[in-house]
């Protein structure tokens, strides 16, 4: 990958990482966002957030990340040859649920997804984030 595209991916990762905080959560379970229909090769990001949790609530991370994603996809000077796609999973701020959501993503990628995930965002709270961080490197060659 040429240097400008690589730099764009790093800038994107930094931007989306800044959007994530424990006080934010998804608006729906296993929701997809920023999933246009262009013919460009897709770059998949998997977001893990506690959409259904009494401890942590989040109502802005998914819309904010989707806005950033759409802005990136409509700007040909940023990742112009690719389309960014973000898919969301609900961790419920629970270690076992977060682990199960990651396993579902791995099984899905091995069977139906044409491209693996390039980045993971989340889990939005420590109980969900710790197992996701520990396992994501084993299934994918990416960090969380």
Protein backbone atom coordinates (compact mmCIF):
# COMPACT_ATOMS: atom_id res chain seq x y z
CA UNK A 1 0.00 0.00 0.00
CA UNK A 2 1.47 3.38 -0.93
CA UNK A 3 2.41 5.71 1.90
CA UNK A 4 -0.53 8.17 1.47
CA UNK A 5 -3.13 5.40 1.80
CA UNK A 6 -1.34 3.92 4.78
CA UNK A 7 -1.21 7.36 6.39
CA UNK A 8 -4.92 7.79 5.68
CA UNK A 9 -5.69 4.53 7.48
CA UNK A 10 -3.69 5.66 10.51
CA UNK A 11 -5.43 9.04 10.54
CA UNK A 12 -8.79 7.31 10.25
CA UNK A 13 -7.95 5.00 13.14
CA UNK A 14 -6.93 7.97 15.27
CA UNK A 15 -10.11 9.87 14.39
CA UNK A 16 -12.42 6.98 15.19
CA UNK A 17 -10.51 6.16 18.38
CA UNK A 18 -11.09 9.70 19.60
CA UNK A 19 -14.82 9.25 19.12
CA UNK A 20 -14.98 6.24 21.43
CA UNK A 21 -15.54 6.72 25.15
CA UNK A 22 -17.13 4.63 27.93
CA UNK A 23 -20.08 7.02 28.11
CA UNK A 24 -21.17 6.23 24.54
CA UNK A 25 -23.06 3.22 23.12
CA UNK A 26 -24.71 1.82 19.99
CA UNK A 27 -28.24 2.50 18.89
CA UNK A 28 -28.97 -1.06 17.75
CA UNK A 29 -27.75 -4.63 18.03
CA UNK A 30 -25.46 -5.96 15.25
CA UNK A 31 -26.19 -2.83 13.25
CA UNK A 32 -24.37 -1.81 10.11
CA UNK A 33 -23.41 1.74 9.44
CA UNK A 34 -21.67 3.54 6.66
CA UNK A 35 -22.21 0.68 4.24
CA UNK A 36 -22.66 2.30 0.85
CA UNK A 37 -23.03 0.35 -2.31
CA UNK A 38 -20.06 1.50 -4.35
CA UNK A 39 -18.05 -0.97 -6.40
CA UNK A 40 -14.81 0.03 -4.64
CA UNK A 41 -12.99 -2.57 -2.53
CA UNK A 42 -14.31 -2.49 1.05
CA UNK A 43 -12.33 -1.85 4.24
CA UNK A 44 -14.25 -3.28 7.19
CA UNK A 45 -14.13 -1.84 10.71
CA UNK A 46 -15.87 -3.72 13.50
CA UNK A 47 -17.25 -1.63 16.34
CA UNK A 48 -18.06 -3.14 19.72
CA UNK A 49 -20.14 -0.92 22.00
CA UNK A 50 -22.52 -1.47 24.94
CA UNK A 51 -25.87 -0.63 23.38
CA UNK A 52 -27.90 -2.40 26.05
CA UNK A 53 -26.30 -1.81 29.42
CA UNK A 54 -27.54 -0.25 32.65
CA UNK A 55 -24.00 0.76 33.61
CA UNK A 56 -22.80 2.40 30.39
CA UNK A 57 -25.05 4.12 27.92
CA UNK A 58 -24.15 5.48 24.56
CA UNK A 59 -26.26 7.32 22.11
CA UNK A 60 -23.69 9.21 20.08
CA UNK A 61 -20.74 6.97 19.16
CA UNK A 62 -22.46 5.11 16.34
CA UNK A 63 -23.96 8.19 14.67
CA UNK A 64 -20.71 10.15 15.11
CA UNK A 65 -18.56 7.35 13.69
CA UNK A 66 -20.99 6.87 10.81
CA UNK A 67 -20.85 10.59 10.00
CA UNK A 68 -17.03 10.44 9.99
CA UNK A 69 -17.16 7.33 7.81
CA UNK A 70 -19.53 8.92 5.30
CA UNK A 71 -17.34 12.03 5.14
CA UNK A 72 -14.31 9.85 4.43
CA UNK A 73 -16.18 7.85 1.78
CA UNK A 74 -17.37 10.99 -0.03
CA UNK A 75 -13.92 12.62 -0.06
CA UNK A 76 -11.87 11.12 -2.89
CA UNK A 77 -8.63 12.51 -1.43
CA UNK A 78 -9.01 10.22 1.62
CA UNK A 79 -8.99 6.48 0.86
CA UNK A 80 -10.18 7.35 -2.64
CA UNK A 81 -9.76 3.82 -4.00
CA UNK A 82 -11.64 2.16 -1.11
CA UNK A 83 -14.97 2.28 0.66
CA UNK A 84 -15.02 2.23 4.43
CA UNK A 85 -17.68 0.05 6.09
CA UNK A 86 -18.41 0.02 9.83
CA UNK A 87 -20.38 -2.81 11.41
CA UNK A 88 -21.48 -2.65 15.04
CA UNK A 89 -21.98 -5.30 17.71
CA UNK A 90 -23.57 -4.89 21.14
CA UNK A 91 -21.27 -6.01 23.98
CA UNK A 92 -23.83 -5.18 26.70
CA UNK A 93 -20.75 -4.20 28.77
CA UNK A 94 -20.37 -7.91 29.54
CA UNK A 95 -17.23 -10.02 29.03
CA UNK A 96 -19.04 -13.14 27.83
CA UNK A 97 -21.32 -11.20 25.46
CA UNK A 98 -18.36 -9.27 24.03
CA UNK A 99 -16.48 -12.54 23.48
CA UNK A 100 -19.53 -14.09 21.82
CA UNK A 101 -19.90 -11.06 19.53
CA UNK A 102 -16.24 -11.36 18.46
CA UNK A 103 -16.68 -15.10 17.79
CA UNK A 104 -19.71 -14.33 15.61
CA UNK A 105 -17.66 -11.81 13.62
CA UNK A 106 -14.83 -14.33 13.17
CA UNK A 107 -17.21 -17.07 12.01
CA UNK A 108 -18.94 -14.63 9.65
CA UNK A 109 -15.63 -13.49 8.15
CA UNK A 110 -14.52 -17.07 7.57
CA UNK A 111 -17.70 -17.90 5.68
CA UNK A 112 -19.31 -14.95 3.98
CA UNK A 113 -17.29 -11.76 4.24
CA UNK A 114 -15.06 -11.13 1.23
CA UNK A 115 -12.61 -9.02 3.24
CA UNK A 116 -11.45 -9.35 6.85
CA UNK A 117 -11.68 -6.55 9.37
CA UNK A 118 -8.87 -4.00 9.33
CA UNK A 119 -9.65 -2.52 12.74
CA UNK A 120 -11.67 -3.08 15.90
CA UNK A 121 -13.21 -0.27 17.95
CA UNK A 122 -14.53 -0.73 21.45
CA UNK A 123 -15.78 -2.43 23.75
CA UNK A 124 -16.70 0.86 25.45
CA UNK A 125 -16.18 -0.45 29.00
CA UNK A 126 -13.45 -2.48 30.72
CA UNK A 127 -15.41 -5.73 31.26
CA UNK A 128 -16.04 -5.98 27.50
CA UNK A 129 -12.79 -4.45 26.27
CA UNK A 130 -10.36 -6.75 28.11
CA UNK A 131 -11.43 -10.04 26.47
CA UNK A 132 -11.85 -8.35 23.08
CA UNK A 133 -8.32 -6.95 23.22
CA UNK A 134 -6.92 -10.31 24.32
CA UNK A 135 -8.67 -12.29 21.58
CA UNK A 136 -8.70 -9.92 18.61
CA UNK A 137 -4.97 -10.37 18.00
CA UNK A 138 -5.38 -14.15 17.93
CA UNK A 139 -8.09 -14.14 15.25
CA UNK A 140 -6.89 -11.14 13.24
CA UNK A 141 -3.52 -9.53 12.75
CA UNK A 142 -4.83 -6.22 14.12
CA UNK A 143 -4.84 -4.48 17.47
CA UNK A 144 -7.81 -3.00 19.23
